[in-house]
Amino acid sequence: MKNIYCLSGLGADQRIFVRTEIEGARLIHLPWVAFDKHDEMACYAQKMAAQIDEENPLILGLSFGGMLATEIALQRPVRHVFLVSSAKGKHELPDVNGTIKYLIQHDLIPYGLFTQPNKILYNQFGADTPGAKEMLNNIMKDTDPDFLGWAFKAILNWQNARVPSNITHIHGTADKVLKPAFITADYWLNGGTHMMIYNRAPEVNRLLSDTLQRLS
């Protein structure tokens, strides 16, 4: 039984992996650690990686957690990184310019609004079933607005352009958060949204399990 260390999405926690089952693997969820307001992505990734005692670990990163997993793979030897609904560098992120960029850089966005899910957030994340909406509601209600504010800025300032070779990237063709037009994925899930690790779990699980089996 192999350990896979899991990094969840922005504002999320281990609940988002409730339907994730990878054959031959034990999932170990890494909780968010304290951040400094001056932390950049690479610095915070180092703090998260400090929770992993195992050498050459397997890491599963979802969304923001996948960005951190990519940074960890650039900092230390890892056996493999699985990315779901994520981005491997600045080149896979949508451009943010003008007013939105200014508001993020100057901490002028009321991030508390993101802790109160609504139809817009449901649509963006692909929460299209009662179960998915309830999951998103519960996660966002427990999200720290200060963490959201720091993370948005860290993503905006992320400059990474290096992609480790030991990454498998799974993405959905209907992801509205990290848009497919910017993404180079190893596997595409047709119609998959940003929440596909939850609402398309059997298909994502199969891809993750098959990839792990090929590593053995």
Protein backbone atom coordinates (compact mmCIF):
# COMPACT_ATOMS: atom_id res chain seq x y z
CA MET A 1 0.00 0.00 0.00
CA LYS A 2 1.54 3.28 -1.15
CA ASN A 3 1.04 6.65 0.54
CA ILE A 4 -0.25 9.54 -1.57
CA TYR A 5 -0.07 12.96 0.05
CA CYS A 6 -3.04 15.14 -0.88
CA LEU A 7 -3.14 18.92 -1.25
CA SER A 8 -6.65 20.28 -1.62
CA GLY A 9 -7.97 23.23 -3.59
CA LEU A 10 -8.01 26.86 -2.54
CA GLY A 11 -10.05 27.25 0.62
CA ALA A 12 -10.94 23.56 0.59
CA ASP A 13 -9.88 20.77 2.92
CA GLN A 14 -9.87 16.99 2.95
CA ARG A 15 -13.64 16.83 2.46
CA ILE A 16 -13.21 17.48 -1.26
CA PHE A 17 -11.46 14.08 -1.51
CA VAL A 18 -14.31 12.21 0.17
CA ARG A 19 -15.03 10.24 -3.03
CA THR A 20 -11.39 9.79 -4.06
CA GLU A 21 -10.28 6.16 -4.02
CA ILE A 22 -7.02 5.10 -5.66
CA GLU A 23 -6.38 1.40 -5.93
CA GLY A 24 -3.32 0.36 -3.94
CA ALA A 25 -2.96 3.71 -2.21
CA ARG A 26 -3.58 5.26 1.18
CA LEU A 27 -4.49 8.96 1.00
CA ILE A 28 -2.81 11.23 3.54
CA HIS A 29 -4.31 14.71 3.66
CA LEU A 30 -1.97 17.62 4.35
CA PRO A 31 -3.68 20.43 6.29
CA TRP A 32 -2.95 24.04 5.47
CA VAL A 33 -0.15 25.50 7.58
CA ALA A 34 0.18 29.09 8.75
CA PHE A 35 1.17 31.54 6.05
CA ASP A 36 3.08 34.80 6.13
CA LYS A 37 1.59 37.62 4.10
CA HIS A 38 4.88 37.90 2.18
CA ASP A 39 5.01 34.20 1.25
CA GLU A 40 5.23 33.46 -2.43
CA MET A 41 4.06 30.17 -3.92
CA ALA A 42 7.49 28.51 -3.68
CA CYS A 43 7.95 29.55 -0.06
CA TYR A 44 4.55 28.26 1.03
CA ALA A 45 5.10 25.03 -0.90
CA GLN A 46 8.24 24.49 1.15
CA LYS A 47 6.22 24.89 4.35
CA MET A 48 3.62 22.39 3.14
CA ALA A 49 6.31 19.93 2.05
CA ALA A 50 7.79 19.98 5.56
CA GLN A 51 4.82 17.83 6.61
CA ILE A 52 6.02 15.00 4.36
CA ASP A 53 8.64 12.81 6.06
CA GLU A 54 8.75 10.19 3.32
CA GLU A 55 11.50 10.28 0.70
CA ASN A 56 10.44 10.44 -2.96
CA PRO A 57 6.75 10.79 -2.08
CA LEU A 58 3.71 10.53 -4.30
CA ILE A 59 1.64 13.73 -4.24
CA LEU A 60 -1.90 14.47 -5.43
CA GLY A 61 -2.70 18.15 -5.91
CA LEU A 62 -6.12 19.60 -6.66
CA SER A 63 -6.41 23.09 -8.16
CA PHE A 64 -4.34 25.44 -5.93
CA GLY A 65 -2.92 22.34 -4.25
CA GLY A 66 -1.66 21.18 -7.63
CA MET A 67 0.26 24.41 -8.09
CA LEU A 68 1.89 23.84 -4.71
CA ALA A 69 2.59 20.21 -5.63
CA THR A 70 4.35 21.39 -8.79
CA GLU A 71 6.52 23.72 -6.71
CA ILE A 72 7.33 20.90 -4.28
CA ALA A 73 8.45 18.73 -7.21
CA LEU A 74 10.81 21.52 -8.25
CA GLN A 75 12.29 21.73 -4.75
CA ARG A 76 12.82 18.09 -3.73
CA PRO A 77 12.82 14.61 -5.25
CA VAL A 78 9.32 13.20 -5.62
CA ARG A 79 8.35 9.95 -7.28
CA HIS A 80 5.31 11.35 -9.05
CA VAL A 81 2.80 14.18 -8.90
CA PHE A 82 -0.85 13.77 -9.89
CA LEU A 83 -2.61 17.02 -10.78
CA VAL A 84 -6.39 17.31 -11.06
CA SER A 85 -8.09 20.51 -12.25
CA SER A 86 -4.90 22.49 -11.76
CA ALA A 87 -2.12 24.42 -13.50
CA LYS A 88 1.59 23.68 -13.76
CA GLY A 89 2.82 27.26 -14.19
CA LYS A 90 2.01 30.83 -15.09
CA HIS A 91 1.57 29.82 -18.74
CA GLU A 92 -1.51 27.78 -17.80
CA LEU A 93 -3.23 30.55 -15.85
CA PRO A 94 -5.62 33.04 -17.47
CA ASP A 95 -4.33 36.58 -17.79
CA VAL A 96 -5.49 38.93 -15.04
CA ASN A 97 -5.01 42.59 -15.87
CA GLY A 98 -6.50 45.97 -15.20
CA THR A 99 -8.91 46.56 -12.37
CA ILE A 100 -9.04 42.99 -11.03
CA LYS A 101 -5.24 42.79 -10.82
CA TYR A 102 -5.11 46.15 -9.04
CA LEU A 103 -7.76 45.09 -6.53
CA ILE A 104 -5.96 41.82 -5.74
CA GLN A 105 -2.55 43.43 -5.44
CA HIS A 106 -3.89 46.09 -3.05
CA ASP A 107 -6.10 43.80 -0.96
CA LEU A 108 -9.25 45.62 -2.00
CA ILE A 109 -11.43 42.57 -2.72
CA PRO A 110 -13.85 41.59 0.09
CA TYR A 111 -12.86 37.92 0.17
CA GLY A 112 -15.54 37.19 2.75
CA LEU A 113 -17.97 37.15 -0.19
CA PHE A 114 -16.33 33.94 -1.38
CA THR A 115 -17.35 32.18 1.83
CA GLN A 116 -21.02 32.55 0.86
CA PRO A 117 -21.66 30.34 -2.18
CA ASN A 118 -24.19 31.55 -4.72
CA LYS A 119 -25.36 30.73 -8.24
CA ILE A 120 -22.28 32.34 -9.78
CA LEU A 121 -19.89 30.20 -7.74
CA TYR A 122 -21.97 27.09 -8.34
CA ASN A 123 -21.70 27.74 -12.07
CA GLN A 124 -17.96 28.48 -12.01
CA PHE A 125 -17.10 25.38 -10.00
CA GLY A 126 -19.56 23.09 -11.75
CA ALA A 127 -21.61 22.34 -8.65
CA ASP A 128 -24.62 21.09 -10.57
CA THR A 129 -26.14 18.59 -8.14
CA PRO A 130 -27.56 19.01 -4.62
CA GLY A 131 -24.64 17.01 -3.20
CA ALA A 132 -22.02 19.11 -4.98
CA LYS A 133 -23.72 22.34 -3.88
CA GLU A 134 -23.85 21.14 -0.28
CA MET A 135 -20.18 20.17 -0.42
CA LEU A 136 -19.22 23.58 -1.81
CA ASN A 137 -21.40 25.34 0.78
CA ASN A 138 -19.80 23.50 3.68
CA ILE A 139 -16.26 24.07 2.44
CA MET A 140 -16.67 27.75 1.65
CA LYS A 141 -18.37 28.51 4.98
CA ASP A 142 -15.24 27.25 6.73
CA THR A 143 -12.81 29.11 4.49
CA ASP A 144 -10.53 31.75 6.00
CA PRO A 145 -10.94 35.00 3.99
CA ASP A 146 -7.39 36.05 4.93
CA PHE A 147 -6.02 32.83 3.46
CA LEU A 148 -8.06 33.41 0.30
CA GLY A 149 -6.67 36.93 -0.04
CA TRP A 150 -3.08 35.77 0.38
CA ALA A 151 -3.53 32.83 -2.01
CA PHE A 152 -5.10 34.91 -4.78
CA LYS A 153 -2.12 37.26 -4.62
CA ALA A 154 0.34 34.34 -4.58
CA ILE A 155 -1.30 32.87 -7.69
CA LEU A 156 -1.32 36.25 -9.43
CA ASN A 157 2.41 36.66 -8.75
CA TRP A 158 3.36 33.05 -9.59
CA GLN A 159 6.06 33.10 -12.25
CA ASN A 160 6.91 29.41 -12.61
CA ALA A 161 7.56 28.25 -16.17
CA ARG A 162 9.30 24.94 -15.39
CA VAL A 163 7.30 21.72 -15.59
CA PRO A 164 8.75 18.64 -13.91
CA SER A 165 8.69 15.54 -16.12
CA ASN A 166 7.12 13.34 -13.43
CA ILE A 167 3.67 14.93 -13.49
CA THR A 168 0.39 13.48 -14.72
CA HIS A 169 -2.21 16.18 -15.31
CA ILE A 170 -5.95 15.38 -15.50
CA HIS A 171 -8.28 18.20 -16.52
CA GLY A 172 -11.91 18.72 -17.50
CA THR A 173 -13.02 20.13 -20.83
CA ALA A 174 -15.70 22.23 -19.09
CA ASP A 175 -13.53 23.72 -16.34
CA LYS A 176 -14.49 27.40 -15.99
CA VAL A 177 -11.95 28.24 -13.28
CA LEU A 178 -8.78 27.02 -15.01
CA LYS A 179 -9.86 27.14 -18.61
CA PRO A 180 -8.88 24.32 -21.00
CA ALA A 181 -7.59 26.78 -23.61
CA PHE A 182 -4.57 27.47 -21.42
CA ILE A 183 -3.97 23.90 -20.22
CA THR A 184 -1.80 21.10 -21.57
CA ALA A 185 -3.13 17.94 -19.91
CA ASP A 186 -2.22 14.28 -20.17
CA TYR A 187 -5.85 13.22 -19.81
CA TRP A 188 -9.03 15.15 -20.58
CA LEU A 189 -12.35 14.29 -18.98
CA ASN A 190 -15.08 15.27 -21.42
CA GLY A 191 -17.52 17.64 -19.71
CA GLY A 192 -15.48 17.61 -16.50
CA THR A 193 -15.75 20.75 -14.37
CA HIS A 194 -13.54 22.17 -11.63
CA MET A 195 -15.31 19.91 -9.11
CA MET A 196 -14.92 16.75 -11.16
CA ILE A 197 -12.83 15.07 -8.45
CA TYR A 198 -16.11 15.03 -6.52
CA ASN A 199 -18.93 14.88 -9.07
CA ARG A 200 -17.07 12.68 -11.61
CA ALA A 201 -15.13 10.71 -9.00
CA PRO A 202 -15.33 7.20 -10.57
CA GLU A 203 -13.75 8.41 -13.82
CA VAL A 204 -11.06 10.47 -12.08
CA ASN A 205 -10.34 7.59 -9.70
CA ARG A 206 -9.85 5.22 -12.62
CA LEU A 207 -7.34 7.54 -14.31
CA LEU A 208 -5.43 8.02 -11.05
CA SER A 209 -5.42 4.28 -10.30
CA ASP A 210 -4.28 3.37 -13.82
CA THR A 211 -1.46 5.91 -13.65
CA LEU A 212 -0.30 4.64 -10.28
CA GLN A 213 -0.36 1.06 -11.55
CA ARG A 214 1.89 2.01 -14.46
CA LEU A 215 4.40 3.50 -12.01
CA SER A 216 4.69 0.23 -10.09
